[in-house]
Amino acid sequence: MTFQITLPRTMKVGAGAIQELGETVRELGSERPLVVTDPFMKESGTVDSALESLRGAGLNTALYAECVPDPTTDSLEGGLAAVREHGADLLVGFGGGSSIDTAKALGFLSLNDGPMRNYKAPKSNTGPALPVVAVPTTAGTGSEATQFTIISDSETDEKMLCTGRSFLPIAAVVDYELTLSMPARLSADTGVDALTHAIEAYVSRRANPFSDSFALSAMTAIGRNLREVYKDGSNRQAREAMMLAATQAGIAFSNSSVALVHGMSRPIGAHFHIAHGLANAMLFPAVTEFSVSGAESRYADCARALGVADGDDAAAAQALVDELKKLNSDLAVPTPHSRGISRADWDRAAPIMAEQALASGSPGNNPVVPTAAQIEEIYATVYG
């Protein structure tokens, strides 16, 4: 059996890598890059290092700093106008997953006719797109190494998964020093997001030996360092390990797939505006407990990689479920209830969220493929 593996052409990884952004972009043949980021990155001055590197390389550089959390089809309009106005030949996605996802979508829509809903999963997109260089400032989404973008449909509130090589960054600049100022809550949520990517990639029905190696390596690093960065964000060694793990997990799931946690978390984000990583964390223990019977030995491997088990498969798989519950407790992950979502609103949304989860295709990769009714039951369990 063969596996198709896709990776960015170039990856600069390590402390100070941001200083090499301009050289990287110039080597790719760009003359007019557009940096795509959010207002905070501009106002805080965080994006200045990227702009300085690009301009220092003699590139005609412009800035678009209007990205929003959980980008929507409406929010892309301003970015498309900025691409056209600058005559951009390459986009630099700078920031968290939302900024990088926005850059990917802008690169694609700049060379393809919309609307974006025409390109959502299960369609695989391989057409032309402006090249994207991804510069992550959080250690979680792995978007710098994936062939996916997530955009919400402004008309329907559906959080659409769009997939294919068209959305794979041509290069990534992964500098853990950009994460040193991340607050504890964001560190926790993005860290659990990375762990979800790694575990789902490993237990997915589409797992392969290439993705397995990256997934297991990421799990081990996250198990050793996630609680540390939550307690002490200035711990450079832990920050570096988490940044590398997030990228490894991104490579893993981009070349395997995510599964039920992600299928269920996207509708939560769309309907209740909960950040993607936090939605994953809310779901992770319950979904894993539901799924263990379909791949007990694989889940056992995950527990061993995390360092929480060394016994037989059944005991190790149960230890993984217990560890995910404890991790949520240690990281103070809220429930939908404690986040202020009413039970009535949650129950009202559950049927449509279940339909949207199944329509995304991700649950079909799960070790146990659920019915809509089973997904609704899991939503009820995690409400809290």
Protein backbone atom coordinates (compact mmCIF):
# COMPACT_ATOMS: atom_id res chain seq x y z
CA MET A 1 0.00 0.00 0.00
CA THR A 2 1.23 3.50 -0.82
CA PHE A 3 0.50 6.76 0.96
CA GLN A 4 0.48 10.27 -0.46
CA ILE A 5 2.56 12.57 1.73
CA THR A 6 2.46 16.36 1.41
CA LEU A 7 4.69 18.82 3.24
CA PRO A 8 5.69 22.48 2.91
CA ARG A 9 8.64 22.89 0.54
CA THR A 10 10.70 24.73 3.18
CA MET A 11 10.55 24.89 6.98
CA LYS A 12 12.72 27.18 9.10
CA VAL A 13 12.49 25.99 12.71
CA GLY A 14 14.03 27.36 15.88
CA ALA A 15 14.73 30.44 17.96
CA GLY A 16 15.24 33.50 15.78
CA ALA A 17 13.81 31.85 12.66
CA ILE A 18 11.58 34.90 12.10
CA GLN A 19 14.71 36.85 11.15
CA GLU A 20 15.06 34.56 8.11
CA LEU A 21 11.52 35.20 6.85
CA GLY A 22 12.59 37.80 4.29
CA GLU A 23 15.31 35.58 2.86
CA THR A 24 12.87 32.66 2.69
CA VAL A 25 10.24 34.69 0.84
CA ARG A 26 12.80 36.16 -1.55
CA GLU A 27 14.14 32.67 -2.36
CA LEU A 28 10.59 31.69 -3.30
CA GLY A 29 10.62 34.34 -6.01
CA SER A 30 8.24 36.81 -4.37
CA GLU A 31 8.59 40.56 -4.83
CA ARG A 32 5.29 41.81 -3.38
CA PRO A 33 4.32 39.83 -0.23
CA LEU A 34 1.23 40.73 1.80
CA VAL A 35 1.36 39.96 5.51
CA VAL A 36 -2.00 38.70 6.77
CA THR A 37 -2.59 39.01 10.51
CA ASP A 38 -5.01 40.27 13.18
CA PRO A 39 -5.35 43.68 14.87
CA PHE A 40 -3.68 42.54 18.11
CA MET A 41 -0.53 41.43 16.30
CA LYS A 42 -0.31 44.90 14.74
CA GLU A 43 -1.15 46.90 17.86
CA SER A 44 1.18 44.89 20.11
CA GLY A 45 4.05 45.20 17.65
CA THR A 46 4.42 41.42 17.43
CA VAL A 47 4.19 41.49 13.63
CA ASP A 48 6.96 44.11 13.36
CA SER A 49 9.68 41.44 13.32
CA ALA A 50 8.11 39.90 10.22
CA LEU A 51 7.73 43.24 8.46
CA GLU A 52 11.31 44.22 9.27
CA SER A 53 12.68 40.96 7.91
CA LEU A 54 10.68 41.23 4.68
CA ARG A 55 11.52 44.88 4.07
CA GLY A 56 15.14 44.25 5.01
CA ALA A 57 15.25 41.72 2.17
CA GLY A 58 14.24 44.47 -0.26
CA LEU A 59 10.66 43.23 -0.73
CA ASN A 60 7.73 45.54 -1.45
CA THR A 61 5.69 44.52 1.58
CA ALA A 62 2.13 45.44 2.63
CA LEU A 63 0.14 44.61 5.75
CA TYR A 64 -3.45 43.42 6.12
CA ALA A 65 -4.27 43.28 9.83
CA GLU A 66 -8.02 42.71 9.92
CA CYS A 67 -8.26 38.95 10.49
CA VAL A 68 -10.95 37.85 12.92
CA PRO A 69 -11.17 34.79 15.19
CA ASP A 70 -12.92 31.93 13.38
CA PRO A 71 -12.82 33.60 9.94
CA THR A 72 -16.02 33.79 7.93
CA THR A 73 -16.77 34.13 4.26
CA ASP A 74 -17.76 37.75 4.89
CA SER A 75 -14.50 38.48 6.71
CA LEU A 76 -12.51 37.39 3.65
CA GLU A 77 -13.83 40.21 1.48
CA GLY A 78 -11.54 42.87 2.94
CA GLY A 79 -8.56 40.58 2.61
CA LEU A 80 -9.31 39.86 -1.05
CA ALA A 81 -9.48 43.59 -1.70
CA ALA A 82 -6.09 44.02 0.01
CA VAL A 83 -4.56 41.26 -2.13
CA ARG A 84 -5.80 42.96 -5.30
CA GLU A 85 -4.82 46.47 -4.19
CA HIS A 86 -1.25 45.45 -3.40
CA GLY A 87 -0.90 43.12 -6.38
CA ALA A 88 0.38 40.51 -3.94
CA ASP A 89 2.30 37.56 -5.35
CA LEU A 90 2.64 35.74 -2.00
CA LEU A 91 0.86 35.84 1.36
CA VAL A 92 2.47 35.58 4.78
CA GLY A 93 -0.01 34.20 7.33
CA PHE A 94 1.25 35.53 10.67
CA GLY A 95 -0.47 34.62 13.94
CA GLY A 96 -2.68 31.88 15.27
CA GLY A 97 -4.71 29.41 13.27
CA SER A 98 -7.32 32.00 12.27
CA SER A 99 -4.78 34.27 10.58
CA ILE A 100 -3.06 31.38 8.81
CA ASP A 101 -6.41 29.91 7.73
CA THR A 102 -7.42 33.34 6.43
CA ALA A 103 -4.20 33.60 4.40
CA LYS A 104 -4.79 30.15 2.92
CA ALA A 105 -8.36 31.01 1.94
CA LEU A 106 -7.30 34.36 0.44
CA GLY A 107 -4.55 32.67 -1.55
CA PHE A 108 -7.05 30.20 -2.96
CA LEU A 109 -9.93 32.59 -3.67
CA SER A 110 -7.57 35.06 -5.35
CA LEU A 111 -7.16 32.57 -8.21
CA ASN A 112 -10.50 30.71 -8.08
CA ASP A 113 -14.12 31.81 -8.36
CA GLY A 114 -16.16 31.66 -5.14
CA PRO A 115 -18.18 31.08 -3.10
CA MET A 116 -16.06 29.20 -0.56
CA ARG A 117 -18.84 26.69 0.10
CA ASN A 118 -18.16 25.26 -3.36
CA TYR A 119 -14.80 24.03 -2.06
CA LYS A 120 -15.70 22.49 1.29
CA ALA A 121 -15.12 18.85 2.20
CA PRO A 122 -15.46 16.24 0.85
CA LYS A 123 -14.12 18.10 -2.22
CA SER A 124 -10.33 17.93 -2.44
CA ASN A 125 -8.87 21.10 -3.93
CA THR A 126 -5.73 20.93 -6.05
CA GLY A 127 -6.14 24.02 -8.22
CA PRO A 128 -3.98 27.15 -8.36
CA ALA A 129 -3.49 29.42 -5.34
CA LEU A 130 -1.14 32.21 -4.34
CA PRO A 131 1.71 30.73 -2.29
CA VAL A 132 1.43 31.09 1.48
CA VAL A 133 4.27 31.27 3.99
CA ALA A 134 2.92 30.45 7.46
CA VAL A 135 4.38 31.95 10.63
CA PRO A 136 2.60 30.54 13.71
CA THR A 137 2.56 32.52 16.97
CA THR A 138 0.73 29.83 18.95
CA ALA A 139 1.72 26.23 19.61
CA GLY A 140 -1.41 24.35 18.71
CA THR A 141 -3.13 24.41 15.34
CA GLY A 142 -0.27 23.06 13.25
CA SER A 143 -1.86 24.99 10.36
CA GLU A 144 1.60 25.92 9.13
CA ALA A 145 2.03 22.33 7.91
CA THR A 146 -1.48 21.27 6.89
CA GLN A 147 -3.49 21.12 3.70
CA PHE A 148 -6.64 22.41 5.43
CA THR A 149 -8.38 25.68 6.16
CA ILE A 150 -11.55 26.26 8.19
CA ILE A 151 -13.90 29.06 7.19
CA SER A 152 -17.42 29.67 8.54
CA ASP A 153 -20.20 30.26 6.04
CA SER A 154 -21.69 33.65 6.96
CA GLU A 155 -25.08 32.67 5.57
CA THR A 156 -25.49 29.33 7.35
CA ASP A 157 -23.04 29.51 10.30
CA GLU A 158 -21.55 26.21 9.11
CA LYS A 159 -17.87 25.92 9.98
CA MET A 160 -16.55 24.53 6.70
CA LEU A 161 -13.51 22.29 6.41
CA CYS A 162 -11.77 22.95 3.10
CA THR A 163 -9.03 20.55 2.15
CA GLY A 164 -6.47 19.78 -0.53
CA ARG A 165 -2.98 20.72 -1.67
CA SER A 166 -4.26 24.16 -2.66
CA PHE A 167 -4.25 25.06 1.04
CA LEU A 168 -0.80 23.70 1.93
CA PRO A 169 1.69 26.48 2.76
CA ILE A 170 4.71 26.53 0.49
CA ALA A 171 6.89 27.33 3.49
CA ALA A 172 6.69 27.69 7.27
CA VAL A 173 8.78 29.72 9.69
CA VAL A 174 8.40 28.18 13.15
CA ASP A 175 9.98 30.32 15.88
CA TYR A 176 9.01 29.35 19.43
CA GLU A 177 10.11 32.75 20.75
CA LEU A 178 6.93 34.16 19.22
CA THR A 179 4.93 32.10 21.77
CA LEU A 180 6.68 33.30 24.94
CA SER A 181 4.02 35.92 25.67
CA MET A 182 1.05 33.57 25.26
CA PRO A 183 -1.25 33.68 28.32
CA ALA A 184 -1.93 30.51 30.30
CA ARG A 185 -5.46 29.96 28.96
CA LEU A 186 -4.34 30.19 25.34
CA SER A 187 -1.32 27.97 26.08
CA ALA A 188 -3.64 25.34 27.53
CA ASP A 189 -6.24 25.45 24.77
CA THR A 190 -3.75 25.37 21.91
CA GLY A 191 -1.72 22.66 23.64
CA VAL A 192 -4.75 20.39 23.97
CA ASP A 193 -5.55 21.17 20.34
CA ALA A 194 -2.10 19.87 19.35
CA LEU A 195 -2.58 16.77 21.50
CA THR A 196 -5.93 16.15 19.84
CA HIS A 197 -4.31 16.39 16.43
CA ALA A 198 -1.64 13.88 17.40
CA ILE A 199 -3.97 11.31 18.97
CA GLU A 200 -6.65 11.56 16.29
CA ALA A 201 -4.02 11.24 13.56
CA TYR A 202 -2.73 8.07 15.23
CA VAL A 203 -6.11 6.37 15.81
CA SER A 204 -7.65 7.53 12.53
CA ARG A 205 -8.74 4.91 10.02
CA ARG A 206 -6.43 6.73 7.59
CA ALA A 207 -3.31 6.53 9.77
CA ASN A 208 -0.08 5.40 8.14
CA PRO A 209 3.50 4.72 9.25
CA PHE A 210 4.67 8.20 8.19
CA SER A 211 2.03 10.06 10.18
CA ASP A 212 2.36 7.64 13.11
CA SER A 213 5.96 8.62 13.79
CA PHE A 214 5.18 12.33 13.95
CA ALA A 215 2.05 11.75 16.05
CA LEU A 216 3.84 9.66 18.69
CA SER A 217 6.73 12.09 18.92
CA ALA A 218 4.31 14.97 19.41
CA MET A 219 2.41 13.11 22.14
CA THR A 220 5.56 12.44 24.12
CA ALA A 221 6.64 16.08 23.99
CA ILE A 222 3.17 17.36 24.90
CA GLY A 223 2.89 14.92 27.80
CA ARG A 224 6.14 16.25 29.24
CA ASN A 225 5.62 19.95 28.61
CA LEU A 226 1.99 21.08 28.37
CA ARG A 227 1.43 21.45 32.10
CA GLU A 228 4.79 23.22 32.36
CA VAL A 229 3.94 25.98 29.87
CA TYR A 230 0.56 26.40 31.57
CA LYS A 231 2.27 26.95 34.93
CA ASP A 232 5.22 28.99 33.65
CA GLY A 233 4.96 30.58 30.24
CA SER A 234 8.55 31.81 30.44
CA ASN A 235 9.94 28.25 30.41
CA ARG A 236 11.81 28.43 27.12
CA GLN A 237 12.68 24.74 26.96
CA ALA A 238 9.03 23.75 27.41
CA ARG A 239 7.87 26.40 24.93
CA GLU A 240 10.30 25.14 22.29
CA ALA A 241 9.18 21.55 22.82
CA MET A 242 5.49 22.49 22.54
CA MET A 243 6.06 24.51 19.37
CA LEU A 244 7.85 21.63 17.67
CA ALA A 245 5.20 19.18 18.88
CA ALA A 246 2.41 21.33 17.45
CA THR A 247 4.10 21.34 14.05
CA GLN A 248 4.73 17.59 14.22
CA ALA A 249 1.09 16.99 15.10
CA GLY A 250 0.06 19.19 12.18
CA ILE A 251 2.20 17.14 9.81
CA ALA A 252 0.67 13.98 11.27
CA PHE A 253 -2.98 14.87 10.83
CA SER A 254 -2.44 16.58 7.49
CA ASN A 255 -1.12 13.26 6.16
CA SER A 256 -3.62 11.11 8.06
CA SER A 257 -6.77 12.87 9.21
CA VAL A 258 -8.61 14.10 12.24
CA ALA A 259 -11.68 12.30 13.49
CA LEU A 260 -14.71 12.70 15.74
CA VAL A 261 -13.38 15.32 18.17
CA HIS A 262 -12.78 17.75 15.32
CA GLY A 263 -16.01 16.86 13.58
CA MET A 264 -17.92 17.77 16.74
CA SER A 265 -15.85 20.79 17.77
CA ARG A 266 -16.28 22.81 14.58
CA PRO A 267 -20.07 23.20 15.03
CA ILE A 268 -19.53 24.24 18.67
CA GLY A 269 -17.26 27.01 17.46
CA ALA A 270 -19.71 28.11 14.80
CA HIS A 271 -22.84 28.13 16.98
CA PHE A 272 -21.38 29.28 20.31
CA HIS A 273 -18.19 31.14 19.30
CA ILE A 274 -15.92 28.98 21.42
CA ALA A 275 -12.30 28.86 20.31
CA HIS A 276 -11.38 25.74 18.36
CA GLY A 277 -8.78 24.43 20.81
CA LEU A 278 -11.07 24.94 23.78
CA ALA A 279 -13.95 23.15 22.03
CA ASN A 280 -11.63 20.23 21.34
CA ALA A 281 -10.61 20.12 25.00
CA MET A 282 -14.23 20.07 26.14
CA LEU A 283 -14.95 17.06 23.94
CA PHE A 284 -11.70 15.12 24.14
CA PRO A 285 -12.25 12.84 27.18
CA ALA A 286 -15.83 11.89 26.32
CA VAL A 287 -15.13 11.26 22.64
CA THR A 288 -12.07 9.17 23.50
CA GLU A 289 -14.06 7.10 25.98
CA PHE A 290 -16.71 6.50 23.29
CA SER A 291 -14.06 5.53 20.71
CA VAL A 292 -11.64 3.32 22.66
CA SER A 293 -13.31 0.04 21.82
CA GLY A 294 -12.65 0.57 18.09
CA ALA A 295 -8.85 0.81 18.42
CA GLU A 296 -7.85 -0.26 21.91
CA SER A 297 -4.24 -1.05 21.08
CA ARG A 298 -3.76 2.27 19.26
CA TYR A 299 -5.17 4.23 22.17
CA ALA A 300 -2.92 2.18 24.47
CA ASP A 301 0.07 3.30 22.40
CA CYS A 302 -1.03 6.91 22.93
CA ALA A 303 -1.13 6.40 26.70
CA ARG A 304 2.38 4.96 26.66
CA ALA A 305 3.66 7.83 24.51
CA LEU A 306 2.20 10.28 27.02
CA GLY A 307 3.94 8.39 29.81
CA VAL A 308 0.80 7.51 31.76
CA ALA A 309 0.71 3.72 31.23
CA ASP A 310 2.92 0.70 30.71
CA GLY A 311 0.51 -2.20 31.27
CA ASP A 312 -1.68 -4.26 28.94
CA ASP A 313 -3.71 -2.59 26.22
CA ALA A 314 -7.02 -2.48 28.08
CA ALA A 315 -5.49 -0.90 31.18
CA ALA A 316 -3.42 1.52 29.12
CA ALA A 317 -6.39 2.65 27.03
CA GLN A 318 -8.39 3.32 30.18
CA ALA A 319 -5.41 5.19 31.61
CA LEU A 320 -5.51 7.47 28.57
CA VAL A 321 -9.16 8.34 29.21
CA ASP A 322 -8.36 9.01 32.87
CA GLU A 323 -5.37 11.18 31.91
CA LEU A 324 -7.45 13.31 29.53
CA LYS A 325 -9.99 13.93 32.29
CA LYS A 326 -7.20 14.85 34.71
CA LEU A 327 -5.55 17.08 32.12
CA ASN A 328 -8.78 19.03 31.66
CA SER A 329 -8.98 19.44 35.42
CA ASP A 330 -5.35 20.55 35.74
CA LEU A 331 -5.75 23.05 32.90
CA ALA A 332 -9.08 24.36 34.21
CA VAL A 333 -10.90 23.54 30.97
CA PRO A 334 -14.48 24.82 31.35
CA THR A 335 -17.63 22.99 30.31
CA PRO A 336 -20.23 24.59 28.04
CA HIS A 337 -22.35 25.08 31.16
CA SER A 338 -19.61 26.89 33.08
CA ARG A 339 -18.95 29.03 29.99
CA GLY A 340 -22.48 30.39 30.36
CA ILE A 341 -24.25 28.47 27.59
CA SER A 342 -27.79 27.63 28.61
CA ARG A 343 -28.93 24.02 28.56
CA ALA A 344 -31.88 24.97 26.36
CA ASP A 345 -29.66 26.61 23.75
CA TRP A 346 -27.21 23.68 23.85
CA ASP A 347 -29.94 21.05 23.44
CA ARG A 348 -31.62 23.08 20.70
CA ALA A 349 -28.40 23.24 18.70
CA ALA A 350 -27.36 19.62 19.26
CA PRO A 351 -29.28 18.03 16.34
CA ILE A 352 -27.98 20.48 13.74
CA MET A 353 -24.47 20.30 15.23
CA ALA A 354 -24.61 16.51 14.92
CA GLU A 355 -25.66 16.80 11.26
CA GLN A 356 -22.86 19.28 10.55
CA ALA A 357 -20.32 17.08 12.30
CA LEU A 358 -21.24 14.09 10.15
CA ALA A 359 -21.33 16.20 6.98
CA SER A 360 -17.72 17.28 7.55
CA GLY A 361 -16.54 13.72 6.98
CA SER A 362 -14.22 13.69 10.01
CA PRO A 363 -16.36 11.29 12.10
CA GLY A 364 -16.01 8.74 9.30
CA ASN A 365 -12.30 8.49 10.16
CA ASN A 366 -13.04 7.65 13.80
CA PRO A 367 -12.28 4.16 15.18
CA VAL A 368 -15.99 3.91 16.06
CA VAL A 369 -18.10 5.72 13.45
CA PRO A 370 -21.03 7.29 15.31
CA THR A 371 -24.63 7.85 14.35
CA ALA A 372 -26.19 11.29 14.67
CA ALA A 373 -28.00 10.10 17.80
CA GLN A 374 -24.73 8.99 19.40
CA ILE A 375 -23.15 12.35 18.62
CA GLU A 376 -26.08 14.09 20.30
CA GLU A 377 -25.55 11.87 23.34
CA ILE A 378 -21.90 12.91 23.54
CA TYR A 379 -22.89 16.57 23.28
CA ALA A 380 -25.28 16.00 26.19
CA THR A 381 -22.51 14.32 28.22
CA VAL A 382 -20.00 17.13 27.81
CA TYR A 383 -22.47 19.93 28.61
CA GLY A 384 -21.55 19.64 32.27
